[in-house]
Structure formats: C-alpha cells, structure tokens
Amino acid sequence: MVVASAGGVPIQPVILPEDKWRVGEFLDQAPLDLKDLGAVDFIHLDRSRAAYWETSIDEVVKSMDDLVATAAYQPVS
C-alpha cells in the first residue's frame, strides 16, 4: 500500500462487517503514511448472501471510480 499511496494511486479500504465498528482502532495502528485513509469510507464486504456480496463489490467499484476521478493519479503508460 505504501507504493500505491506514494504513487498517488487511490486506496479503497474494505473491511468485514463484524469489524466495521473497529475502523478507528485499525487507523490508530496504521503507519503515518496511511493515516489519511481515515478520510475514505471503509466499505464492508458482506459474504452472507450472493446479493449482498454483489452490492458490496458494486460499492467498491463505484468508490474506486470516484477516487480515481478526484485523485492526482496518473496511470503509467
């Protein structure tokens, strides 16, 4: 993740539903160069039903599209 962050590549954090309430705890343990992930919504991936999983993945894809559109990310040619 450090390489992605240093290269301006957006990072979308994902988390298990049962850990959603622990995001703050996880951010407290993150290295300094990843503390800014606190400004990004952690999306929980729910595998309990196929429809929930599909919705979770759709949310990740949409969020990544939004992050890429607003980031200074420049793909390497």
N, C-alpha and C. Protein backbone atom coordinates (compact mmCIF):
# COMPACT_ATOMS: atom_id res chain seq x y z
N MET A 1 0.81 -1.19 0.00
CA MET A 1 0.00 0.00 0.00
C MET A 1 0.86 1.25 0.00
N VAL A 2 2.04 1.17 0.57
CA VAL A 2 2.90 2.34 0.62
C VAL A 2 3.27 2.78 -0.79
N VAL A 3 3.56 1.83 -1.66
CA VAL A 3 3.90 2.16 -3.05
C VAL A 3 2.72 2.82 -3.73
N ALA A 4 1.53 2.28 -3.53
CA ALA A 4 0.33 2.88 -4.13
C ALA A 4 0.12 4.29 -3.62
N SER A 5 0.20 4.45 -2.34
CA SER A 5 -0.02 5.77 -1.74
C SER A 5 1.02 6.78 -2.23
N ALA A 6 2.28 6.38 -2.25
CA ALA A 6 3.35 7.27 -2.70
C ALA A 6 3.21 7.61 -4.18
N GLY A 7 2.64 6.69 -4.97
CA GLY A 7 2.46 6.92 -6.40
C GLY A 7 1.17 7.64 -6.74
N GLY A 8 0.41 8.03 -5.73
CA GLY A 8 -0.85 8.74 -5.98
C GLY A 8 -1.98 7.83 -6.41
N VAL A 9 -1.81 6.52 -6.25
CA VAL A 9 -2.86 5.56 -6.60
C VAL A 9 -3.86 5.50 -5.45
N PRO A 10 -5.13 5.74 -5.73
CA PRO A 10 -6.13 5.70 -4.65
C PRO A 10 -6.24 4.31 -4.02
N ILE A 11 -6.51 4.30 -2.73
CA ILE A 11 -6.69 3.05 -1.99
C ILE A 11 -8.10 3.06 -1.42
N GLN A 12 -8.85 1.99 -1.69
CA GLN A 12 -10.19 1.83 -1.13
C GLN A 12 -10.13 0.78 -0.03
N PRO A 13 -10.21 1.19 1.23
CA PRO A 13 -10.20 0.20 2.31
C PRO A 13 -11.49 -0.61 2.32
N VAL A 14 -11.36 -1.90 2.55
CA VAL A 14 -12.52 -2.78 2.72
C VAL A 14 -12.36 -3.49 4.06
N ILE A 15 -13.49 -3.91 4.60
CA ILE A 15 -13.48 -4.50 5.93
C ILE A 15 -14.61 -5.51 6.04
N LEU A 16 -14.45 -6.46 6.94
CA LEU A 16 -15.52 -7.41 7.21
C LEU A 16 -16.62 -6.71 8.00
N PRO A 17 -17.88 -7.09 7.79
CA PRO A 17 -18.98 -6.42 8.51
C PRO A 17 -18.79 -6.42 10.03
N GLU A 18 -18.29 -7.51 10.58
CA GLU A 18 -18.14 -7.59 12.04
C GLU A 18 -17.03 -6.69 12.57
N ASP A 19 -16.18 -6.18 11.68
CA ASP A 19 -15.10 -5.28 12.11
C ASP A 19 -15.39 -3.81 11.82
N LYS A 20 -16.56 -3.51 11.26
CA LYS A 20 -16.88 -2.14 10.87
C LYS A 20 -16.73 -1.17 12.05
N TRP A 21 -17.09 -1.60 13.23
CA TRP A 21 -17.01 -0.74 14.40
C TRP A 21 -15.57 -0.54 14.88
N ARG A 22 -14.60 -1.28 14.30
CA ARG A 22 -13.20 -1.20 14.73
C ARG A 22 -12.33 -0.33 13.81
N VAL A 23 -12.94 0.38 12.88
CA VAL A 23 -12.17 1.18 11.92
C VAL A 23 -11.22 2.14 12.65
N GLY A 24 -11.71 2.83 13.66
CA GLY A 24 -10.87 3.76 14.41
C GLY A 24 -9.67 3.07 15.03
N GLU A 25 -9.91 1.89 15.58
CA GLU A 25 -8.82 1.10 16.19
C GLU A 25 -7.77 0.74 15.13
N PHE A 26 -8.24 0.31 13.96
CA PHE A 26 -7.32 -0.05 12.89
C PHE A 26 -6.52 1.16 12.41
N LEU A 27 -7.18 2.31 12.29
CA LEU A 27 -6.48 3.52 11.86
C LEU A 27 -5.44 3.95 12.89
N ASP A 28 -5.74 3.74 14.17
CA ASP A 28 -4.76 4.07 15.21
C ASP A 28 -3.49 3.24 15.05
N GLN A 29 -3.62 2.02 14.51
CA GLN A 29 -2.48 1.13 14.33
C GLN A 29 -1.77 1.34 12.99
N ALA A 30 -2.36 2.11 12.11
CA ALA A 30 -1.80 2.31 10.77
C ALA A 30 -0.53 3.16 10.84
N PRO A 31 0.42 2.89 9.92
CA PRO A 31 1.59 3.76 9.86
C PRO A 31 1.19 5.18 9.45
N LEU A 32 2.02 6.14 9.75
CA LEU A 32 1.71 7.55 9.49
C LEU A 32 1.32 7.82 8.05
N ASP A 33 1.98 7.14 7.09
CA ASP A 33 1.69 7.42 5.68
C ASP A 33 0.35 6.86 5.22
N LEU A 34 -0.34 6.13 6.09
CA LEU A 34 -1.66 5.60 5.74
C LEU A 34 -2.77 6.17 6.62
N LYS A 35 -2.44 7.08 7.51
CA LYS A 35 -3.46 7.67 8.40
C LYS A 35 -4.54 8.40 7.62
N ASP A 36 -4.20 8.90 6.43
CA ASP A 36 -5.18 9.64 5.64
C ASP A 36 -6.32 8.75 5.13
N LEU A 37 -6.18 7.45 5.28
CA LEU A 37 -7.27 6.54 4.89
C LEU A 37 -8.51 6.78 5.75
N GLY A 38 -8.34 7.46 6.87
CA GLY A 38 -9.49 7.79 7.70
C GLY A 38 -10.48 8.70 7.00
N ALA A 39 -10.05 9.37 5.95
CA ALA A 39 -10.93 10.25 5.18
C ALA A 39 -11.72 9.48 4.11
N VAL A 40 -11.40 8.20 3.94
CA VAL A 40 -12.06 7.37 2.94
C VAL A 40 -13.02 6.42 3.66
N ASP A 41 -14.22 6.28 3.12
CA ASP A 41 -15.19 5.36 3.71
C ASP A 41 -14.72 3.92 3.57
N PHE A 42 -14.64 3.22 4.69
CA PHE A 42 -14.31 1.79 4.66
C PHE A 42 -15.58 1.05 4.25
N ILE A 43 -15.50 0.29 3.19
CA ILE A 43 -16.67 -0.45 2.70
C ILE A 43 -16.59 -1.87 3.24
N HIS A 44 -17.69 -2.31 3.85
CA HIS A 44 -17.67 -3.68 4.35
C HIS A 44 -18.15 -4.63 3.26
N LEU A 45 -17.45 -5.75 3.18
CA LEU A 45 -17.78 -6.79 2.20
C LEU A 45 -18.59 -7.86 2.91
N ASP A 46 -19.84 -7.96 2.53
CA ASP A 46 -20.77 -8.89 3.18
C ASP A 46 -20.93 -10.13 2.30
N ARG A 47 -20.42 -11.25 2.79
CA ARG A 47 -20.48 -12.51 2.04
C ARG A 47 -21.63 -13.41 2.47
N SER A 48 -22.54 -12.90 3.29
CA SER A 48 -23.59 -13.75 3.84
C SER A 48 -24.61 -14.18 2.79
N ARG A 49 -24.78 -13.39 1.74
CA ARG A 49 -25.70 -13.73 0.65
C ARG A 49 -25.09 -13.22 -0.66
N ALA A 50 -25.39 -13.90 -1.73
CA ALA A 50 -24.84 -13.51 -3.04
C ALA A 50 -25.22 -12.08 -3.40
N ALA A 51 -26.45 -11.69 -3.14
CA ALA A 51 -26.90 -10.34 -3.47
C ALA A 51 -26.15 -9.29 -2.65
N TYR A 52 -25.87 -9.58 -1.37
CA TYR A 52 -25.12 -8.66 -0.52
C TYR A 52 -23.69 -8.51 -1.03
N TRP A 53 -23.10 -9.65 -1.42
CA TRP A 53 -21.74 -9.64 -1.95
C TRP A 53 -21.68 -8.78 -3.22
N GLU A 54 -22.60 -8.99 -4.12
CA GLU A 54 -22.63 -8.22 -5.38
C GLU A 54 -22.78 -6.73 -5.09
N THR A 55 -23.65 -6.39 -4.15
CA THR A 55 -23.83 -5.00 -3.78
C THR A 55 -22.55 -4.42 -3.18
N SER A 56 -21.89 -5.19 -2.33
CA SER A 56 -20.63 -4.74 -1.73
C SER A 56 -19.58 -4.46 -2.80
N ILE A 57 -19.44 -5.37 -3.74
CA ILE A 57 -18.46 -5.21 -4.81
C ILE A 57 -18.82 -4.01 -5.68
N ASP A 58 -20.11 -3.83 -5.97
CA ASP A 58 -20.55 -2.67 -6.75
C ASP A 58 -20.15 -1.37 -6.03
N GLU A 59 -20.29 -1.35 -4.71
CA GLU A 59 -19.92 -0.17 -3.93
C GLU A 59 -18.42 0.10 -4.03
N VAL A 60 -17.62 -0.95 -3.97
CA VAL A 60 -16.16 -0.80 -4.09
C VAL A 60 -15.80 -0.24 -5.46
N VAL A 61 -16.40 -0.79 -6.51
CA VAL A 61 -16.09 -0.33 -7.87
C VAL A 61 -16.50 1.14 -8.04
N LYS A 62 -17.68 1.50 -7.57
CA LYS A 62 -18.12 2.89 -7.69
C LYS A 62 -17.21 3.82 -6.90
N SER A 63 -16.85 3.42 -5.70
CA SER A 63 -15.97 4.24 -4.89
C SER A 63 -14.61 4.43 -5.55
N MET A 64 -14.07 3.35 -6.12
CA MET A 64 -12.78 3.45 -6.81
C MET A 64 -12.89 4.38 -8.02
N ASP A 65 -13.98 4.28 -8.75
CA ASP A 65 -14.19 5.19 -9.89
C ASP A 65 -14.17 6.64 -9.40
N ASP A 66 -14.86 6.90 -8.28
CA ASP A 66 -14.90 8.26 -7.72
C ASP A 66 -13.52 8.70 -7.24
N LEU A 67 -12.80 7.80 -6.57
CA LEU A 67 -11.47 8.14 -6.07
C LEU A 67 -10.51 8.44 -7.22
N VAL A 68 -10.56 7.63 -8.26
CA VAL A 68 -9.68 7.85 -9.41
C VAL A 68 -10.02 9.18 -10.08
N ALA A 69 -11.30 9.49 -10.18
CA ALA A 69 -11.72 10.72 -10.84
C ALA A 69 -11.26 11.96 -10.07
N THR A 70 -11.13 11.85 -8.76
CA THR A 70 -10.77 13.03 -7.96
C THR A 70 -9.31 13.03 -7.51
N ALA A 71 -8.57 11.97 -7.80
CA ALA A 71 -7.18 11.87 -7.34
C ALA A 71 -6.21 12.46 -8.37
N ALA A 72 -5.01 12.62 -7.90
CA ALA A 72 -3.95 13.11 -8.80
C ALA A 72 -3.30 11.92 -9.50
N TYR A 73 -3.99 10.80 -9.52
CA TYR A 73 -3.46 9.57 -10.11
C TYR A 73 -3.24 9.73 -11.61
N GLN A 74 -2.06 9.41 -12.04
CA GLN A 74 -1.74 9.42 -13.46
C GLN A 74 -1.23 8.03 -13.82
N PRO A 75 -1.99 7.25 -14.59
CA PRO A 75 -1.54 5.90 -14.91
C PRO A 75 -0.23 5.92 -15.69
N VAL A 76 0.57 4.91 -15.44
CA VAL A 76 1.85 4.77 -16.14
C VAL A 76 1.58 4.20 -17.52
N SER A 77 2.13 4.83 -18.54
CA SER A 77 1.93 4.37 -19.92
C SER A 77 2.93 3.31 -20.28
